[in-house]
């Protein structure tokens, strides 16, 4: 399995969102064909446990995307409530990618 890297310079789209009463900022970069290639999520309060967990999970998500894991498989692997809503900020950010 080979990692598909990104150019050193690339466009990034940022968006703010709330999840479970917390504010987050997500930045996503795409490959030339439109597929998401990396995702970075930060919490409103930098350095908190929530922020650190979101940052770590988004870095792992970026590696998954770069190694070819399909976005729908990533979404399905993350925890959800009985109504299908994501239980974590990275899952919420991935769901928002379709609408950003």
N, C-alpha and C. Protein backbone atom coordinates (compact mmCIF):
# COMPACT_ATOMS: atom_id res chain seq x y z
N UNK A 1 0.84 -1.16 0.00
CA UNK A 1 0.00 0.00 0.00
C UNK A 1 0.89 1.24 0.00
N UNK A 2 0.64 2.16 -0.89
CA UNK A 2 1.47 3.34 -1.04
C UNK A 2 0.71 4.58 -0.64
N UNK A 3 1.40 5.47 0.04
CA UNK A 3 0.79 6.73 0.45
C UNK A 3 0.82 7.71 -0.72
N UNK A 4 -0.33 8.28 -1.01
CA UNK A 4 -0.46 9.29 -2.07
C UNK A 4 -0.23 10.67 -1.42
N UNK A 5 0.93 11.24 -1.68
CA UNK A 5 1.26 12.50 -1.04
C UNK A 5 0.66 13.69 -1.78
N UNK A 6 0.66 14.81 -1.12
CA UNK A 6 0.15 16.06 -1.67
C UNK A 6 1.30 16.97 -2.05
N UNK A 7 1.06 17.90 -2.97
CA UNK A 7 2.10 18.88 -3.27
C UNK A 7 2.36 19.74 -2.03
N UNK A 8 3.54 20.34 -1.97
CA UNK A 8 3.87 21.18 -0.82
C UNK A 8 2.94 22.38 -0.70
N UNK A 9 2.48 22.90 -1.81
CA UNK A 9 1.53 24.02 -1.81
C UNK A 9 0.21 23.51 -2.36
N UNK A 10 -0.87 23.75 -1.59
CA UNK A 10 -2.19 23.29 -2.01
C UNK A 10 -3.26 24.16 -1.35
N UNK A 11 -4.36 24.23 -2.00
CA UNK A 11 -5.48 24.99 -1.45
C UNK A 11 -6.12 24.24 -0.30
N UNK A 12 -6.59 24.98 0.66
CA UNK A 12 -7.26 24.41 1.81
C UNK A 12 -8.54 25.20 2.08
N UNK A 13 -9.59 24.49 2.42
CA UNK A 13 -10.86 25.11 2.76
C UNK A 13 -11.05 24.95 4.26
N UNK A 14 -11.40 26.03 4.93
CA UNK A 14 -11.65 25.98 6.36
C UNK A 14 -13.10 26.28 6.67
N UNK A 15 -13.62 25.65 7.69
CA UNK A 15 -14.98 25.94 8.12
C UNK A 15 -15.11 25.70 9.62
N UNK A 16 -15.96 26.50 10.23
CA UNK A 16 -16.24 26.40 11.66
C UNK A 16 -17.54 25.63 11.84
N UNK A 17 -17.62 24.85 12.91
CA UNK A 17 -18.84 24.12 13.21
C UNK A 17 -18.88 23.82 14.70
N UNK A 18 -20.05 23.48 15.19
CA UNK A 18 -20.24 23.08 16.58
C UNK A 18 -20.63 21.61 16.62
N UNK A 19 -20.14 20.94 17.65
CA UNK A 19 -20.50 19.54 17.87
C UNK A 19 -20.59 19.32 19.37
N UNK A 20 -21.74 18.83 19.83
CA UNK A 20 -21.96 18.52 21.24
C UNK A 20 -21.61 19.72 22.15
N UNK A 21 -21.99 20.90 21.72
CA UNK A 21 -21.80 22.10 22.53
C UNK A 21 -20.39 22.69 22.50
N UNK A 22 -19.51 22.13 21.69
CA UNK A 22 -18.14 22.64 21.56
C UNK A 22 -17.95 23.21 20.16
N UNK A 23 -17.12 24.24 20.05
CA UNK A 23 -16.81 24.84 18.75
C UNK A 23 -15.52 24.25 18.21
N UNK A 24 -15.51 24.02 16.88
CA UNK A 24 -14.35 23.44 16.22
C UNK A 24 -14.09 24.19 14.92
N UNK A 25 -12.86 24.08 14.45
CA UNK A 25 -12.48 24.59 13.14
C UNK A 25 -11.86 23.42 12.38
N UNK A 26 -12.32 23.20 11.16
CA UNK A 26 -11.78 22.12 10.32
C UNK A 26 -11.17 22.73 9.07
N UNK A 27 -10.06 22.17 8.64
CA UNK A 27 -9.42 22.55 7.38
C UNK A 27 -9.24 21.28 6.57
N UNK A 28 -9.64 21.34 5.31
CA UNK A 28 -9.52 20.17 4.44
C UNK A 28 -8.84 20.58 3.14
N UNK A 29 -7.91 19.73 2.70
CA UNK A 29 -7.25 19.89 1.40
C UNK A 29 -7.68 18.72 0.53
N UNK A 30 -7.73 18.95 -0.76
CA UNK A 30 -8.19 17.94 -1.71
C UNK A 30 -7.10 17.63 -2.74
N UNK A 31 -7.19 16.41 -3.28
CA UNK A 31 -6.38 16.08 -4.45
C UNK A 31 -6.97 16.80 -5.65
N UNK A 32 -6.23 16.84 -6.74
CA UNK A 32 -6.68 17.52 -7.95
C UNK A 32 -8.01 16.99 -8.47
N UNK A 33 -8.30 15.72 -8.20
CA UNK A 33 -9.55 15.13 -8.69
C UNK A 33 -10.74 15.38 -7.75
N UNK A 34 -10.52 16.14 -6.66
CA UNK A 34 -11.59 16.50 -5.76
C UNK A 34 -11.72 15.65 -4.51
N UNK A 35 -11.01 14.52 -4.44
CA UNK A 35 -11.06 13.68 -3.24
C UNK A 35 -10.41 14.41 -2.06
N UNK A 36 -10.97 14.30 -0.86
CA UNK A 36 -10.29 14.88 0.29
C UNK A 36 -9.00 14.14 0.57
N UNK A 37 -7.95 14.89 0.91
CA UNK A 37 -6.64 14.30 1.11
C UNK A 37 -6.12 14.47 2.54
N UNK A 38 -6.59 15.50 3.21
CA UNK A 38 -6.17 15.68 4.58
C UNK A 38 -7.22 16.51 5.32
N UNK A 39 -7.30 16.28 6.61
CA UNK A 39 -8.27 16.96 7.44
C UNK A 39 -7.59 17.32 8.74
N UNK A 40 -7.73 18.57 9.15
CA UNK A 40 -7.20 19.01 10.43
C UNK A 40 -8.33 19.66 11.21
N UNK A 41 -8.58 19.17 12.41
CA UNK A 41 -9.63 19.69 13.27
C UNK A 41 -8.99 20.21 14.55
N UNK A 42 -9.40 21.41 14.95
CA UNK A 42 -8.94 21.98 16.21
C UNK A 42 -10.15 22.45 17.01
N UNK A 43 -10.02 22.37 18.32
CA UNK A 43 -11.06 22.86 19.20
C UNK A 43 -10.87 24.34 19.48
N UNK A 44 -11.90 24.96 20.02
CA UNK A 44 -11.85 26.40 20.30
C UNK A 44 -10.84 26.71 21.40
N UNK A 45 -10.65 25.79 22.32
CA UNK A 45 -9.71 26.00 23.42
C UNK A 45 -8.48 25.14 23.17
N UNK A 46 -7.47 25.75 22.58
CA UNK A 46 -6.25 25.04 22.20
C UNK A 46 -5.56 24.47 23.44
N UNK A 47 -5.11 23.22 23.31
CA UNK A 47 -4.36 22.58 24.37
C UNK A 47 -5.22 21.79 25.35
N UNK A 48 -6.54 21.85 25.21
CA UNK A 48 -7.40 21.07 26.08
C UNK A 48 -7.43 19.62 25.61
N UNK A 49 -7.95 18.76 26.44
CA UNK A 49 -8.07 17.35 26.07
C UNK A 49 -8.92 17.15 24.84
N UNK A 50 -10.02 17.91 24.74
CA UNK A 50 -10.91 17.82 23.58
C UNK A 50 -10.17 18.25 22.31
N UNK A 51 -9.43 19.34 22.39
CA UNK A 51 -8.66 19.82 21.23
C UNK A 51 -7.60 18.81 20.84
N UNK A 52 -6.85 18.30 21.80
CA UNK A 52 -5.79 17.33 21.50
C UNK A 52 -6.34 16.06 20.88
N UNK A 53 -7.46 15.57 21.39
CA UNK A 53 -8.06 14.36 20.83
C UNK A 53 -8.55 14.60 19.40
N UNK A 54 -9.18 15.74 19.15
CA UNK A 54 -9.66 16.07 17.80
C UNK A 54 -8.49 16.20 16.83
N UNK A 55 -7.42 16.85 17.27
CA UNK A 55 -6.24 17.00 16.40
C UNK A 55 -5.62 15.66 16.08
N UNK A 56 -5.47 14.80 17.08
CA UNK A 56 -4.86 13.49 16.86
C UNK A 56 -5.72 12.63 15.92
N UNK A 57 -7.03 12.62 16.15
CA UNK A 57 -7.91 11.82 15.30
C UNK A 57 -7.93 12.34 13.87
N UNK A 58 -7.83 13.65 13.69
CA UNK A 58 -7.85 14.19 12.33
C UNK A 58 -6.54 13.88 11.60
N UNK A 59 -5.44 13.84 12.31
CA UNK A 59 -4.17 13.47 11.68
C UNK A 59 -4.23 12.00 11.23
N UNK A 60 -4.76 11.13 12.09
CA UNK A 60 -4.92 9.72 11.71
C UNK A 60 -5.86 9.60 10.51
N UNK A 61 -6.93 10.40 10.49
CA UNK A 61 -7.86 10.41 9.36
C UNK A 61 -7.14 10.83 8.08
N UNK A 62 -6.26 11.82 8.17
CA UNK A 62 -5.52 12.28 7.00
C UNK A 62 -4.65 11.16 6.43
N UNK A 63 -3.98 10.41 7.30
CA UNK A 63 -3.17 9.29 6.82
C UNK A 63 -4.05 8.24 6.16
N UNK A 64 -5.22 7.96 6.72
CA UNK A 64 -6.14 7.00 6.10
C UNK A 64 -6.51 7.46 4.69
N UNK A 65 -6.85 8.73 4.54
CA UNK A 65 -7.22 9.26 3.23
C UNK A 65 -6.06 9.14 2.25
N UNK A 66 -4.84 9.43 2.72
CA UNK A 66 -3.67 9.38 1.84
C UNK A 66 -3.27 7.96 1.48
N UNK A 67 -3.70 6.99 2.26
CA UNK A 67 -3.45 5.59 1.93
C UNK A 67 -4.61 4.94 1.21
N UNK A 68 -5.60 5.76 0.83
CA UNK A 68 -6.66 5.28 -0.04
C UNK A 68 -7.92 4.77 0.62
N UNK A 69 -8.07 4.97 1.92
CA UNK A 69 -9.31 4.54 2.57
C UNK A 69 -10.44 5.46 2.09
N UNK A 70 -11.50 4.90 1.54
CA UNK A 70 -12.60 5.73 1.04
C UNK A 70 -13.30 6.50 2.17
N UNK A 71 -13.73 7.70 1.86
CA UNK A 71 -14.39 8.57 2.83
C UNK A 71 -15.60 7.89 3.47
N UNK A 72 -16.39 7.19 2.69
CA UNK A 72 -17.58 6.53 3.26
C UNK A 72 -17.20 5.43 4.25
N UNK A 73 -16.07 4.77 4.03
CA UNK A 73 -15.61 3.74 4.96
C UNK A 73 -15.14 4.37 6.27
N UNK A 74 -14.47 5.52 6.18
CA UNK A 74 -14.05 6.23 7.39
C UNK A 74 -15.27 6.67 8.20
N UNK A 75 -16.24 7.25 7.51
CA UNK A 75 -17.46 7.68 8.20
C UNK A 75 -18.14 6.50 8.90
N UNK A 76 -18.22 5.38 8.22
CA UNK A 76 -18.91 4.21 8.78
C UNK A 76 -18.15 3.62 9.98
N UNK A 77 -16.84 3.80 10.02
CA UNK A 77 -16.03 3.22 11.10
C UNK A 77 -16.10 4.02 12.39
N UNK A 78 -16.48 5.29 12.31
CA UNK A 78 -16.51 6.13 13.51
C UNK A 78 -17.82 5.95 14.26
N UNK A 79 -17.79 6.17 15.59
CA UNK A 79 -19.00 5.91 16.39
C UNK A 79 -20.14 6.88 16.08
N UNK A 80 -21.36 6.35 16.12
CA UNK A 80 -22.57 7.12 15.84
C UNK A 80 -23.65 6.76 16.85
N UNK A 81 -24.58 7.69 17.05
CA UNK A 81 -25.71 7.41 17.94
C UNK A 81 -26.76 6.59 17.18
N UNK A 82 -27.83 6.16 17.85
CA UNK A 82 -28.85 5.34 17.18
C UNK A 82 -29.51 6.02 15.98
N UNK A 83 -29.49 7.36 15.93
CA UNK A 83 -30.06 8.08 14.79
C UNK A 83 -29.05 8.28 13.65
N UNK A 84 -27.81 7.82 13.85
CA UNK A 84 -26.79 7.93 12.82
C UNK A 84 -25.94 9.19 12.89
N UNK A 85 -26.13 10.01 13.93
CA UNK A 85 -25.33 11.23 14.08
C UNK A 85 -23.97 10.88 14.66
N UNK A 86 -22.90 11.53 14.18
CA UNK A 86 -21.56 11.23 14.70
C UNK A 86 -21.43 11.61 16.17
N UNK A 87 -20.67 10.81 16.91
CA UNK A 87 -20.46 11.06 18.32
C UNK A 87 -19.16 11.80 18.61
N UNK A 88 -18.36 12.07 17.59
CA UNK A 88 -17.08 12.74 17.80
C UNK A 88 -16.91 13.88 16.80
N UNK A 89 -16.03 14.84 17.10
CA UNK A 89 -15.87 16.00 16.22
C UNK A 89 -15.28 15.68 14.85
N UNK A 90 -14.46 14.65 14.74
CA UNK A 90 -13.90 14.29 13.44
C UNK A 90 -14.99 13.66 12.57
N UNK A 91 -15.81 12.81 13.14
CA UNK A 91 -16.94 12.25 12.39
C UNK A 91 -17.88 13.35 11.91
N UNK A 92 -18.12 14.34 12.76
CA UNK A 92 -18.97 15.47 12.36
C UNK A 92 -18.32 16.25 11.21
N UNK A 93 -17.01 16.45 11.27
CA UNK A 93 -16.31 17.16 10.19
C UNK A 93 -16.38 16.37 8.89
N UNK A 94 -16.22 15.05 8.96
CA UNK A 94 -16.31 14.22 7.75
C UNK A 94 -17.70 14.29 7.14
N UNK A 95 -18.73 14.31 7.99
CA UNK A 95 -20.08 14.42 7.48
C UNK A 95 -20.29 15.77 6.78
N UNK A 96 -19.66 16.81 7.28
CA UNK A 96 -19.80 18.14 6.70
C UNK A 96 -19.07 18.29 5.37
N UNK A 97 -18.13 17.41 5.07
CA UNK A 97 -17.38 17.51 3.81
C UNK A 97 -18.31 17.47 2.60
N UNK A 98 -19.40 16.75 2.69
CA UNK A 98 -20.35 16.69 1.57
C UNK A 98 -21.04 18.01 1.33
N UNK A 99 -21.07 18.86 2.36
CA UNK A 99 -21.84 20.11 2.26
C UNK A 99 -20.94 21.34 2.22
N UNK A 100 -19.65 21.19 2.49
CA UNK A 100 -18.75 22.36 2.52
C UNK A 100 -18.42 22.85 1.13
